[in-house]
Amino acid sequence: MNWYWRWVNRLGLANRPRVRKMIVAVIGSTIVLFGLALIVLPGPAMLVVPLGLALLATEFAWARRIIRRGGVAWGKARRSRFARHCLTNFPDRLIAARIGCDQPIRKIR
């Protein structure tokens, strides 16, 4: 976050919150829209959309809430029974250990 305020001060936007908010909104929403387009196009959409939301979260509370809810949902998905079951069905135990499976690997009949 320190990098953000360095740029704000360098550009002289510290005393102009409306201009700063408008610039962040345009750039952040452009990055998010580009990331949403990358869902159907080949590209790293799962990296670009959170990057745009992180930029928007510097000025907007709704973007911070989306990031927080996404983190909670991601944690629940990692801890779900379905995810653990999928990890136990991998043919190679090394793959499951490398991706951080916290449950013991066992063969399912």
PDB file of N, CA and C in Angstrom:
ATOM      1  N   MET A   1       0.824  -1.183   0.000  1.00  0.00           N
ATOM      2  CA  MET A   1       0.000   0.000   0.000  1.00  0.00           C
ATOM      3  C   MET A   1       0.874   1.255   0.000  1.00  0.00           C
ATOM      4  N   ASN A   2       2.080   1.113   0.485  1.00  0.00           N
ATOM      5  CA  ASN A   2       3.000   2.240   0.526  1.00  0.00           C
ATOM      6  C   ASN A   2       3.336   2.723  -0.883  1.00  0.00           C
ATOM      7  N   TRP A   3       3.435   1.798  -1.843  1.00  0.00           N
ATOM      8  CA  TRP A   3       3.727   2.162  -3.219  1.00  0.00           C
ATOM      9  C   TRP A   3       2.628   3.044  -3.794  1.00  0.00           C
ATOM     10  N   TYR A   4       1.389   2.761  -3.391  1.00  0.00           N
ATOM     11  CA  TYR A   4       0.248   3.532  -3.895  1.00  0.00           C
ATOM     12  C   TYR A   4       0.356   4.999  -3.471  1.00  0.00           C
ATOM     13  N   TRP A   5       0.642   5.216  -2.197  1.00  0.00           N
ATOM     14  CA  TRP A   5       0.711   6.594  -1.707  1.00  0.00           C
ATOM     15  C   TRP A   5       1.941   7.327  -2.246  1.00  0.00           C
ATOM     16  N   ARG A   6       3.005   6.584  -2.531  1.00  0.00           N
ATOM     17  CA  ARG A   6       4.149   7.228  -3.180  1.00  0.00           C
ATOM     18  C   ARG A   6       3.765   7.772  -4.554  1.00  0.00           C
ATOM     19  N   TRP A   7       3.015   6.993  -5.324  1.00  0.00           N
ATOM     20  CA  TRP A   7       2.571   7.451  -6.638  1.00  0.00           C
ATOM     21  C   TRP A   7       1.572   8.595  -6.522  1.00  0.00           C
ATOM     22  N   VAL A   8       0.678   8.521  -5.551  1.00  0.00           N
ATOM     23  CA  VAL A   8      -0.297   9.598  -5.352  1.00  0.00           C
ATOM     24  C   VAL A   8       0.416  10.904  -5.050  1.00  0.00           C
ATOM     25  N   ASN A   9       1.379  10.850  -4.165  1.00  0.00           N
ATOM     26  CA  ASN A   9       2.117  12.067  -3.829  1.00  0.00           C
ATOM     27  C   ASN A   9       2.973  12.551  -4.993  1.00  0.00           C
ATOM     28  N   ARG A  10       3.555  11.639  -5.740  1.00  0.00           N
ATOM     29  CA  ARG A  10       4.400  12.020  -6.871  1.00  0.00           C
ATOM     30  C   ARG A  10       3.585  12.717  -7.962  1.00  0.00           C
ATOM     31  N   LEU A  11       2.360  12.239  -8.167  1.00  0.00           N
ATOM     32  CA  LEU A  11       1.502  12.839  -9.193  1.00  0.00           C
ATOM     33  C   LEU A  11       0.726  14.055  -8.683  1.00  0.00           C
ATOM     34  N   GLY A  12       0.830  14.355  -7.411  1.00  0.00           N
ATOM     35  CA  GLY A  12       0.142  15.506  -6.848  1.00  0.00           C
ATOM     36  C   GLY A  12      -1.345  15.298  -6.664  1.00  0.00           C
ATOM     37  N   LEU A  13      -1.772  14.066  -6.436  1.00  0.00           N
ATOM     38  CA  LEU A  13      -3.189  13.765  -6.294  1.00  0.00           C
ATOM     39  C   LEU A  13      -3.629  13.628  -4.842  1.00  0.00           C
ATOM     40  N   ALA A  14      -2.737  13.875  -3.897  1.00  0.00           N
ATOM     41  CA  ALA A  14      -3.089  13.715  -2.488  1.00  0.00           C
ATOM     42  C   ALA A  14      -4.147  14.724  -2.069  1.00  0.00           C
ATOM     43  N   ASN A  15      -4.140  15.908  -2.661  1.00  0.00           N
ATOM     44  CA  ASN A  15      -5.091  16.953  -2.301  1.00  0.00           C
ATOM     45  C   ASN A  15      -6.318  16.972  -3.204  1.00  0.00           C
ATOM     46  N   ARG A  16      -6.407  16.038  -4.143  1.00  0.00           N
ATOM     47  CA  ARG A  16      -7.528  15.985  -5.083  1.00  0.00           C
ATOM     48  C   ARG A  16      -8.175  14.601  -5.030  1.00  0.00           C
ATOM     49  N   PRO A  17      -8.986  14.344  -4.019  1.00  0.00           N
ATOM     50  CA  PRO A  17      -9.539  12.988  -3.871  1.00  0.00           C
ATOM     51  C   PRO A  17     -10.509  12.591  -4.978  1.00  0.00           C
ATOM     52  N   ARG A  18     -11.255  13.525  -5.528  1.00  0.00           N
ATOM     53  CA  ARG A  18     -12.189  13.157  -6.600  1.00  0.00           C
ATOM     54  C   ARG A  18     -11.449  12.723  -7.857  1.00  0.00           C
ATOM     55  N   VAL A  19     -10.408  13.452  -8.202  1.00  0.00           N
ATOM     56  CA  VAL A  19      -9.621  13.092  -9.383  1.00  0.00           C
ATOM     57  C   VAL A  19      -8.938  11.745  -9.155  1.00  0.00           C
ATOM     58  N   ARG A  20      -8.384  11.566  -7.960  1.00  0.00           N
ATOM     59  CA  ARG A  20      -7.706  10.313  -7.631  1.00  0.00           C
ATOM     60  C   ARG A  20      -8.684   9.143  -7.700  1.00  0.00           C
ATOM     61  N   LYS A  21      -9.889   9.336  -7.165  1.00  0.00           N
ATOM     62  CA  LYS A  21     -10.887   8.275  -7.172  1.00  0.00           C
ATOM     63  C   LYS A  21     -11.319   7.946  -8.602  1.00  0.00           C
ATOM     64  N   MET A  22     -11.444   8.959  -9.425  1.00  0.00           N
ATOM     65  CA  MET A  22     -11.840   8.742 -10.814  1.00  0.00           C
ATOM     66  C   MET A  22     -10.754   7.981 -11.576  1.00  0.00           C
ATOM     67  N   ILE A  23      -9.505   8.342 -11.373  1.00  0.00           N
ATOM     68  CA  ILE A  23      -8.401   7.658 -12.049  1.00  0.00           C
ATOM     69  C   ILE A  23      -8.324   6.195 -11.616  1.00  0.00           C
ATOM     70  N   VAL A  24      -8.453   5.957 -10.315  1.00  0.00           N
ATOM     71  CA  VAL A  24      -8.422   4.583  -9.803  1.00  0.00           C
ATOM     72  C   VAL A  24      -9.611   3.792 -10.331  1.00  0.00           C
ATOM     73  N   ALA A  25     -10.779   4.414 -10.413  1.00  0.00           N
ATOM     74  CA  ALA A  25     -11.969   3.723 -10.918  1.00  0.00           C
ATOM     75  C   ALA A  25     -11.810   3.331 -12.385  1.00  0.00           C
ATOM     76  N   VAL A  26     -11.281   4.227 -13.186  1.00  0.00           N
ATOM     77  CA  VAL A  26     -11.125   3.930 -14.619  1.00  0.00           C
ATOM     78  C   VAL A  26     -10.086   2.830 -14.832  1.00  0.00           C
ATOM     79  N   ILE A  27      -8.929   2.967 -14.201  1.00  0.00           N
ATOM     80  CA  ILE A  27      -7.868   1.976 -14.398  1.00  0.00           C
ATOM     81  C   ILE A  27      -8.262   0.625 -13.793  1.00  0.00           C
ATOM     82  N   GLY A  28      -8.805   0.644 -12.584  1.00  0.00           N
ATOM     83  CA  GLY A  28      -9.191  -0.606 -11.924  1.00  0.00           C
ATOM     84  C   GLY A  28     -10.304  -1.334 -12.647  1.00  0.00           C
ATOM     85  N   SER A  29     -11.328  -0.606 -13.084  1.00  0.00           N
ATOM     86  CA  SER A  29     -12.421  -1.273 -13.792  1.00  0.00           C
ATOM     87  C   SER A  29     -11.964  -1.783 -15.154  1.00  0.00           C
ATOM     88  N   THR A  30     -11.032  -1.092 -15.802  1.00  0.00           N
ATOM     89  CA  THR A  30     -10.480  -1.588 -17.061  1.00  0.00           C
ATOM     90  C   THR A  30      -9.743  -2.906 -16.851  1.00  0.00           C
ATOM     91  N   ILE A  31      -8.972  -2.984 -15.778  1.00  0.00           N
ATOM     92  CA  ILE A  31      -8.244  -4.225 -15.482  1.00  0.00           C
ATOM     93  C   ILE A  31      -9.216  -5.357 -15.155  1.00  0.00           C
ATOM     94  N   VAL A  32     -10.271  -5.055 -14.382  1.00  0.00           N
ATOM     95  CA  VAL A  32     -11.265  -6.087 -14.040  1.00  0.00           C
ATOM     96  C   VAL A  32     -11.993  -6.554 -15.294  1.00  0.00           C
ATOM     97  N   LEU A  33     -12.404  -5.643 -16.151  1.00  0.00           N
ATOM     98  CA  LEU A  33     -13.087  -6.032 -17.387  1.00  0.00           C
ATOM     99  C   LEU A  33     -12.177  -6.849 -18.297  1.00  0.00           C
ATOM    100  N   PHE A  34     -10.909  -6.479 -18.362  1.00  0.00           N
ATOM    101  CA  PHE A  34      -9.947  -7.260 -19.137  1.00  0.00           C
ATOM    102  C   PHE A  34      -9.817  -8.666 -18.550  1.00  0.00           C
ATOM    103  N   GLY A  35      -9.783  -8.761 -17.227  1.00  0.00           N
ATOM    104  CA  GLY A  35      -9.709 -10.065 -16.583  1.00  0.00           C
ATOM    105  C   GLY A  35     -10.946 -10.905 -16.826  1.00  0.00           C
ATOM    106  N   LEU A  36     -12.123 -10.267 -16.833  1.00  0.00           N
ATOM    107  CA  LEU A  36     -13.354 -11.003 -17.132  1.00  0.00           C
ATOM    108  C   LEU A  36     -13.358 -11.495 -18.582  1.00  0.00           C
ATOM    109  N   ALA A  37     -12.779 -10.714 -19.477  1.00  0.00           N
ATOM    110  CA  ALA A  37     -12.655 -11.171 -20.864  1.00  0.00           C
ATOM    111  C   ALA A  37     -11.699 -12.355 -20.954  1.00  0.00           C
ATOM    112  N   LEU A  38     -10.706 -12.388 -20.081  1.00  0.00           N
ATOM    113  CA  LEU A  38      -9.745 -13.491 -20.101  1.00  0.00           C
ATOM    114  C   LEU A  38     -10.341 -14.801 -19.603  1.00  0.00           C
ATOM    115  N   ILE A  39     -11.546 -14.753 -19.037  1.00  0.00           N
ATOM    116  CA  ILE A  39     -12.198 -16.006 -18.640  1.00  0.00           C
ATOM    117  C   ILE A  39     -12.493 -16.847 -19.874  1.00  0.00           C
ATOM    118  N   VAL A  40     -12.943 -16.206 -20.951  1.00  0.00           N
ATOM    119  CA  VAL A  40     -13.244 -16.960 -22.172  1.00  0.00           C
ATOM    120  C   VAL A  40     -12.070 -16.952 -23.147  1.00  0.00           C
ATOM    121  N   LEU A  41     -11.188 -15.984 -23.030  1.00  0.00           N
ATOM    122  CA  LEU A  41      -9.990 -15.931 -23.865  1.00  0.00           C
ATOM    123  C   LEU A  41      -8.840 -16.619 -23.139  1.00  0.00           C
ATOM    124  N   PRO A  42      -7.824 -17.071 -23.853  1.00  0.00           N
ATOM    125  CA  PRO A  42      -6.698 -17.703 -23.160  1.00  0.00           C
ATOM    126  C   PRO A  42      -5.870 -16.656 -22.406  1.00  0.00           C
ATOM    127  N   GLY A  43      -5.769 -16.850 -21.102  1.00  0.00           N
ATOM    128  CA  GLY A  43      -4.998 -15.917 -20.293  1.00  0.00           C
ATOM    129  C   GLY A  43      -5.237 -16.159 -18.810  1.00  0.00           C
ATOM    130  N   PRO A  44      -4.479 -15.487 -17.973  1.00  0.00           N
ATOM    131  CA  PRO A  44      -4.555 -15.703 -16.519  1.00  0.00           C
ATOM    132  C   PRO A  44      -5.646 -14.857 -15.849  1.00  0.00           C
ATOM    133  N   ALA A  45      -6.897 -15.189 -16.091  1.00  0.00           N
ATOM    134  CA  ALA A  45      -8.009 -14.418 -15.526  1.00  0.00           C
ATOM    135  C   ALA A  45      -8.016 -14.465 -14.001  1.00  0.00           C
ATOM    136  N   MET A  46      -7.604 -15.590 -13.428  1.00  0.00           N
ATOM    137  CA  MET A  46      -7.621 -15.727 -11.963  1.00  0.00           C
ATOM    138  C   MET A  46      -6.558 -14.851 -11.305  1.00  0.00           C
ATOM    139  N   LEU A  47      -5.657 -14.293 -12.053  1.00  0.00           N
ATOM    140  CA  LEU A  47      -4.672 -13.352 -11.507  1.00  0.00           C
ATOM    141  C   LEU A  47      -5.031 -11.904 -11.815  1.00  0.00           C
ATOM    142  N   VAL A  48      -5.624 -11.665 -12.972  1.00  0.00           N
ATOM    143  CA  VAL A  48      -5.883 -10.300 -13.417  1.00  0.00           C
ATOM    144  C   VAL A  48      -7.080  -9.691 -12.682  1.00  0.00           C
ATOM    145  N   VAL A  49      -8.151 -10.455 -12.489  1.00  0.00           N
ATOM    146  CA  VAL A  49      -9.336  -9.917 -11.816  1.00  0.00           C
ATOM    147  C   VAL A  49      -9.023  -9.506 -10.377  1.00  0.00           C
ATOM    148  N   PRO A  50      -8.359 -10.338  -9.558  1.00  0.00           N
ATOM    149  CA  PRO A  50      -8.009  -9.878  -8.214  1.00  0.00           C
ATOM    150  C   PRO A  50      -7.050  -8.686  -8.205  1.00  0.00           C
ATOM    151  N   LEU A  51      -6.202  -8.593  -9.214  1.00  0.00           N
ATOM    152  CA  LEU A  51      -5.308  -7.441  -9.306  1.00  0.00           C
ATOM    153  C   LEU A  51      -6.109  -6.154  -9.516  1.00  0.00           C
ATOM    154  N   GLY A  52      -7.090  -6.197 -10.397  1.00  0.00           N
ATOM    155  CA  GLY A  52      -7.952  -5.038 -10.611  1.00  0.00           C
ATOM    156  C   GLY A  52      -8.776  -4.708  -9.381  1.00  0.00           C
ATOM    157  N   LEU A  53      -9.271  -5.742  -8.696  1.00  0.00           N
ATOM    158  CA  LEU A  53     -10.024  -5.501  -7.463  1.00  0.00           C
ATOM    159  C   LEU A  53      -9.137  -4.923  -6.362  1.00  0.00           C
ATOM    160  N   ALA A  54      -7.893  -5.359  -6.313  1.00  0.00           N
ATOM    161  CA  ALA A  54      -6.975  -4.804  -5.313  1.00  0.00           C
ATOM    162  C   ALA A  54      -6.725  -3.327  -5.578  1.00  0.00           C
ATOM    163  N   LEU A  55      -6.620  -2.960  -6.838  1.00  0.00           N
ATOM    164  CA  LEU A  55      -6.448  -1.545  -7.165  1.00  0.00           C
ATOM    165  C   LEU A  55      -7.703  -0.756  -6.805  1.00  0.00           C
ATOM    166  N   LEU A  56      -8.866  -1.305  -7.102  1.00  0.00           N
ATOM    167  CA  LEU A  56     -10.114  -0.632  -6.733  1.00  0.00           C
ATOM    168  C   LEU A  56     -10.290  -0.550  -5.220  1.00  0.00           C
ATOM    169  N   ALA A  57      -9.774  -1.533  -4.495  1.00  0.00           N
ATOM    170  CA  ALA A  57      -9.915  -1.552  -3.036  1.00  0.00           C
ATOM    171  C   ALA A  57      -9.110  -0.454  -2.356  1.00  0.00           C
ATOM    172  N   THR A  58      -8.190   0.171  -3.062  1.00  0.00           N
ATOM    173  CA  THR A  58      -7.456   1.274  -2.452  1.00  0.00           C
ATOM    174  C   THR A  58      -8.344   2.488  -2.227  1.00  0.00           C
ATOM    175  N   GLU A  59      -9.457   2.571  -2.965  1.00  0.00           N
ATOM    176  CA  GLU A  59     -10.346   3.730  -2.844  1.00  0.00           C
ATOM    177  C   GLU A  59     -11.791   3.383  -2.511  1.00  0.00           C
ATOM    178  N   PHE A  60     -12.223   2.152  -2.755  1.00  0.00           N
ATOM    179  CA  PHE A  60     -13.631   1.812  -2.616  1.00  0.00           C
ATOM    180  C   PHE A  60     -13.829   0.681  -1.614  1.00  0.00           C
ATOM    181  N   ALA A  61     -14.785   0.871  -0.693  1.00  0.00           N
ATOM    182  CA  ALA A  61     -15.058  -0.134   0.336  1.00  0.00           C
ATOM    183  C   ALA A  61     -15.720  -1.378  -0.259  1.00  0.00           C
ATOM    184  N   TRP A  62     -16.544  -1.223  -1.300  1.00  0.00           N
ATOM    185  CA  TRP A  62     -17.211  -2.379  -1.884  1.00  0.00           C
ATOM    186  C   TRP A  62     -16.206  -3.347  -2.490  1.00  0.00           C
ATOM    187  N   ALA A  63     -15.105  -2.846  -3.024  1.00  0.00           N
ATOM    188  CA  ALA A  63     -14.072  -3.732  -3.579  1.00  0.00           C
ATOM    189  C   ALA A  63     -13.352  -4.479  -2.453  1.00  0.00           C
ATOM    190  N   ARG A  64     -13.144  -3.807  -1.316  1.00  0.00           N
ATOM    191  CA  ARG A  64     -12.534  -4.497  -0.167  1.00  0.00           C
ATOM    192  C   ARG A  64     -13.436  -5.619   0.329  1.00  0.00           C
ATOM    193  N   ARG A  65     -14.757  -5.387   0.325  1.00  0.00           N
ATOM    194  CA  ARG A  65     -15.693  -6.434   0.755  1.00  0.00           C
ATOM    195  C   ARG A  65     -15.669  -7.616  -0.205  1.00  0.00           C
ATOM    196  N   ILE A  66     -15.592  -7.352  -1.505  1.00  0.00           N
ATOM    197  CA  ILE A  66     -15.528  -8.446  -2.489  1.00  0.00           C
ATOM    198  C   ILE A  66     -14.261  -9.272  -2.290  1.00  0.00           C
ATOM    199  N   ILE A  67     -13.148  -8.600  -2.053  1.00  0.00           N
ATOM    200  CA  ILE A  67     -11.895  -9.323  -1.822  1.00  0.00           C
ATOM    201  C   ILE A  67     -11.991 -10.168  -0.560  1.00  0.00           C
ATOM    202  N   ARG A  68     -12.570  -9.608   0.502  1.00  0.00           N
ATOM    203  CA  ARG A  68     -12.708 -10.354   1.756  1.00  0.00           C
ATOM    204  C   ARG A  68     -13.625 -11.561   1.575  1.00  0.00           C
ATOM    205  N   ARG A  69     -14.746 -11.380   0.898  1.00  0.00           N
ATOM    206  CA  ARG A  69     -15.673 -12.498   0.664  1.00  0.00           C
ATOM    207  C   ARG A  69     -15.044 -13.559  -0.232  1.00  0.00           C
ATOM    208  N   GLY A  70     -14.276 -13.125  -1.215  1.00  0.00           N
ATOM    209  CA  GLY A  70     -13.582 -14.087  -2.073  1.00  0.00           C
ATOM    210  C   GLY A  70     -12.571 -14.913  -1.300  1.00  0.00           C
ATOM    211  N   GLY A  71     -11.884 -14.279  -0.352  1.00  0.00           N
ATOM    212  CA  GLY A  71     -10.930 -15.012   0.481  1.00  0.00           C
ATOM    213  C   GLY A  71     -11.611 -16.033   1.368  1.00  0.00           C
ATOM    214  N   VAL A  72     -12.777 -15.664   1.910  1.00  0.00           N
ATOM    215  CA  VAL A  72     -13.531 -16.599   2.748  1.00  0.00           C
ATOM    216  C   VAL A  72     -14.035 -17.772   1.903  1.00  0.00           C
ATOM    217  N   ALA A  73     -14.570 -17.472   0.720  1.00  0.00           N
ATOM    218  CA  ALA A  73     -15.069 -18.540  -0.157  1.00  0.00           C
ATOM    219  C   ALA A  73     -13.941 -19.459  -0.603  1.00  0.00           C
ATOM    220  N   TRP A  74     -12.770 -18.881  -0.898  1.00  0.00           N
ATOM    221  CA  TRP A  74     -11.622 -19.686  -1.312  1.00  0.00           C
ATOM    222  C   TRP A  74     -11.194 -20.612  -0.176  1.00  0.00           C
ATOM    223  N   GLY A  75     -11.173 -20.104   1.047  1.00  0.00           N
ATOM    224  CA  GLY A  75     -10.803 -20.935   2.195  1.00  0.00           C
ATOM    225  C   GLY A  75     -11.789 -22.066   2.424  1.00  0.00           C
ATOM    226  N   LYS A  76     -13.088 -21.783   2.282  1.00  0.00           N
ATOM    227  CA  LYS A  76     -14.101 -22.827   2.443  1.00  0.00           C
ATOM    228  C   LYS A  76     -13.961 -23.890   1.355  1.00  0.00           C
ATOM    229  N   ALA A  77     -13.673 -23.457   0.148  1.00  0.00           N
ATOM    230  CA  ALA A  77     -13.520 -24.419  -0.949  1.00  0.00           C
ATOM    231  C   ALA A  77     -12.312 -25.318  -0.720  1.00  0.00           C
ATOM    232  N   ARG A  78     -11.247 -24.757  -0.188  1.00  0.00           N
ATOM    233  CA  ARG A  78     -10.056 -25.582   0.067  1.00  0.00           C
ATOM    234  C   ARG A  78     -10.293 -26.580   1.181  1.00  0.00           C
ATOM    235  N   ARG A  79     -11.144 -26.237   2.139  1.00  0.00           N
ATOM    236  CA  ARG A  79     -11.393 -27.114   3.277  1.00  0.00           C
ATOM    237  C   ARG A  79     -12.583 -28.047   3.075  1.00  0.00           C
ATOM    238  N   SER A  80     -13.267 -27.946   1.948  1.00  0.00           N
ATOM    239  CA  SER A  80     -14.492 -28.712   1.757  1.00  0.00           C
ATOM    240  C   SER A  80     -14.198 -30.207   1.608  1.00  0.00           C
ATOM    241  N   ARG A  81     -15.210 -30.980   1.869  1.00  0.00           N
ATOM    242  CA  ARG A  81     -15.076 -32.425   1.758  1.00  0.00           C
ATOM    243  C   ARG A  81     -14.846 -32.835   0.306  1.00  0.00           C
ATOM    244  N   PHE A  82     -15.490 -32.135  -0.615  1.00  0.00           N
ATOM    245  CA  PHE A  82     -15.327 -32.450  -2.032  1.00  0.00           C
ATOM    246  C   PHE A  82     -13.884 -32.258  -2.477  1.00  0.00           C
ATOM    247  N   ALA A  83     -13.258 -31.183  -2.036  1.00  0.00           N
ATOM    248  CA  ALA A  83     -11.871 -30.924  -2.428  1.00  0.00           C
ATOM    249  C   ALA A  83     -10.950 -31.999  -1.871  1.00  0.00           C
ATOM    250  N   ARG A  84     -11.169 -32.398  -0.627  1.00  0.00           N
ATOM    251  CA  ARG A  84     -10.335 -33.457  -0.047  1.00  0.00           C
ATOM    252  C   ARG A  84     -10.545 -34.764  -0.787  1.00  0.00           C
ATOM    253  N   HIS A  85     -11.787 -35.039  -1.192  1.00  0.00           N
ATOM    254  CA  HIS A  85     -12.074 -36.265  -1.923  1.00  0.00           C
ATOM    255  C   HIS A  85     -11.376 -36.261  -3.283  1.00  0.00           C
ATOM    256  N   CYS A  86     -11.385 -35.132  -3.952  1.00  0.00           N
ATOM    257  CA  CYS A  86     -10.702 -35.045  -5.251  1.00  0.00           C
ATOM    258  C   CYS A  86      -9.204 -35.264  -5.099  1.00  0.00           C
ATOM    259  N   LEU A  87      -8.652 -34.738  -4.023  1.00  0.00           N
ATOM    260  CA  LEU A  87      -7.217 -34.913  -3.822  1.00  0.00           C
ATOM    261  C   LEU A  87      -6.854 -36.355  -3.515  1.00  0.00           C
ATOM    262  N   THR A  88      -7.756 -37.100  -2.893  1.00  0.00           N
ATOM    263  CA  THR A  88      -7.436 -38.493  -2.577  1.00  0.00           C
ATOM    264  C   THR A  88      -7.535 -39.387  -3.802  1.00  0.00           C
ATOM    265  N   ASN A  89      -8.157 -38.925  -4.869  1.00  0.00           N
ATOM    266  CA  ASN A  89      -8.291 -39.749  -6.066  1.00  0.00           C
ATOM    267  C   ASN A  89      -7.155 -39.554  -7.058  1.00  0.00           C
ATOM    268  N   PHE A  90      -6.190 -38.719  -6.750  1.00  0.00           N
ATOM    269  CA  PHE A  90      -5.061 -38.551  -7.663  1.00  0.00           C
ATOM    270  C   PHE A  90      -4.270 -39.851  -7.726  1.00  0.00           C
ATOM    271  N   PRO A  91      -3.832 -40.240  -8.915  1.00  0.00           N
ATOM    272  CA  PRO A  91      -3.079 -41.491  -9.014  1.00  0.00           C
ATOM    273  C   PRO A  91      -1.685 -41.382  -8.410  1.00  0.00           C
ATOM    274  N   ASP A  92      -1.159 -40.217  -8.356  1.00  0.00           N
ATOM    275  CA  ASP A  92       0.193 -40.058  -7.832  1.00  0.00           C
ATOM    276  C   ASP A  92       0.132 -39.341  -6.488  1.00  0.00           C
ATOM    277  N   ARG A  93       0.622 -39.955  -5.443  1.00  0.00           N
ATOM    278  CA  ARG A  93       0.586 -39.348  -4.106  1.00  0.00           C
ATOM    279  C   ARG A  93       1.460 -38.101  -4.016  1.00  0.00           C
ATOM    280  N   LEU A  94       2.484 -38.047  -4.824  1.00  0.00           N
ATOM    281  CA  LEU A  94       3.382 -36.899  -4.798  1.00  0.00           C
ATOM    282  C   LEU A  94       2.669 -35.624  -5.220  1.00  0.00           C
ATOM    283  N   ILE A  95       1.785 -35.708  -6.202  1.00  0.00           N
ATOM    284  CA  ILE A  95       1.050 -34.525  -6.666  1.00  0.00           C
ATOM    285  C   ILE A  95       0.188 -33.985  -5.533  1.00  0.00           C
ATOM    286  N   ALA A  96      -0.519 -34.858  -4.835  1.00  0.00           N
ATOM    287  CA  ALA A  96      -1.380 -34.418  -3.739  1.00  0.00           C
ATOM    288  C   ALA A  96      -0.562 -33.794  -2.613  1.00  0.00           C
ATOM    289  N   ALA A  97       0.607 -34.328  -2.360  1.00  0.00           N
ATOM    290  CA  ALA A  97       1.446 -33.761  -1.307  1.00  0.00           C
ATOM    291  C   ALA A  97       2.011 -32.411  -1.728  1.00  0.00           C
ATOM    292  N   ARG A  98       2.332 -32.245  -3.003  1.00  0.00           N
ATOM    293  CA  ARG A  98       2.914 -30.986  -3.489  1.00  0.00           C
ATOM    294  C   ARG A  98       1.913 -29.839  -3.463  1.00  0.00           C
ATOM    295  N   ILE A  99       0.611 -30.122  -3.644  1.00  0.00           N
ATOM    296  CA  ILE A  99      -0.366 -29.039  -3.671  1.00  0.00           C
ATOM    297  C   ILE A  99      -0.944 -28.763  -2.293  1.00  0.00           C
ATOM    298  N   GLY A 100      -0.472 -29.428  -1.280  1.00  0.00           N
ATOM    299  CA  GLY A 100      -0.839 -29.090   0.084  1.00  0.00           C
ATOM    300  C   GLY A 100      -2.069 -29.784   0.611  1.00  0.00           C
ATOM    301  N   CYS A 101      -2.260 -31.046   0.266  1.00  0.00           N
ATOM    302  CA  CYS A 101      -3.398 -31.794   0.795  1.00  0.00           C
ATOM    303  C   CYS A 101      -3.147 -32.063   2.269  1.00  0.00           C
ATOM    304  N   ASP A 102      -4.029 -31.577   3.142  1.00  0.00           N
ATOM    305  CA  ASP A 102      -3.805 -31.718   4.570  1.00  0.00           C
ATOM    306  C   ASP A 102      -4.388 -33.015   5.127  1.00  0.00           C
ATOM    307  N   GLN A 103      -5.104 -33.778   4.333  1.00  0.00           N
ATOM    308  CA  GLN A 103      -5.662 -35.042   4.777  1.00  0.00           C
ATOM    309  C   GLN A 103      -4.764 -36.177   4.302  1.00  0.00           C
ATOM    310  N   PRO A 104      -4.712 -37.257   5.056  1.00  0.00           N
ATOM    311  CA  PRO A 104      -3.905 -38.391   4.604  1.00  0.00           C
ATOM    312  C   PRO A 104      -4.446 -38.976   3.301  1.00  0.00           C
ATOM    313  N   ILE A 105      -3.557 -39.359   2.435  1.00  0.00           N
ATOM    314  CA  ILE A 105      -3.938 -39.917   1.147  1.00  0.00           C
ATOM    315  C   ILE A 105      -4.272 -41.384   1.345  1.00  0.00           C
ATOM    316  N   ARG A 106      -5.429 -41.790   0.867  1.00  0.00           N
ATOM    317  CA  ARG A 106      -5.823 -43.199   0.970  1.00  0.00           C
ATOM    318  C   ARG A 106      -6.529 -43.613  -0.303  1.00  0.00           C
ATOM    319  N   LYS A 107      -6.419 -44.865  -0.623  1.00  0.00           N
ATOM    320  CA  LYS A 107      -7.059 -45.392  -1.818  1.00  0.00           C
ATOM    321  C   LYS A 107      -8.555 -45.540  -1.577  1.00  0.00           C
ATOM    322  N   ILE A 108      -9.353 -45.195  -2.576  1.00  0.00           N
ATOM    323  CA  ILE A 108     -10.804 -45.348  -2.483  1.00  0.00           C
ATOM    324  C   ILE A 108     -11.188 -46.511  -3.388  1.00  0.00           C
ATOM    325  N   ARG A 109     -11.948 -47.428  -2.838  1.00  0.00           N
ATOM    326  CA  ARG A 109     -12.291 -48.656  -3.560  1.00  0.00           C
ATOM    327  C   ARG A 109     -13.218 -48.401  -4.698  1.00  0.00           C
TER     328      ARG A 109
END
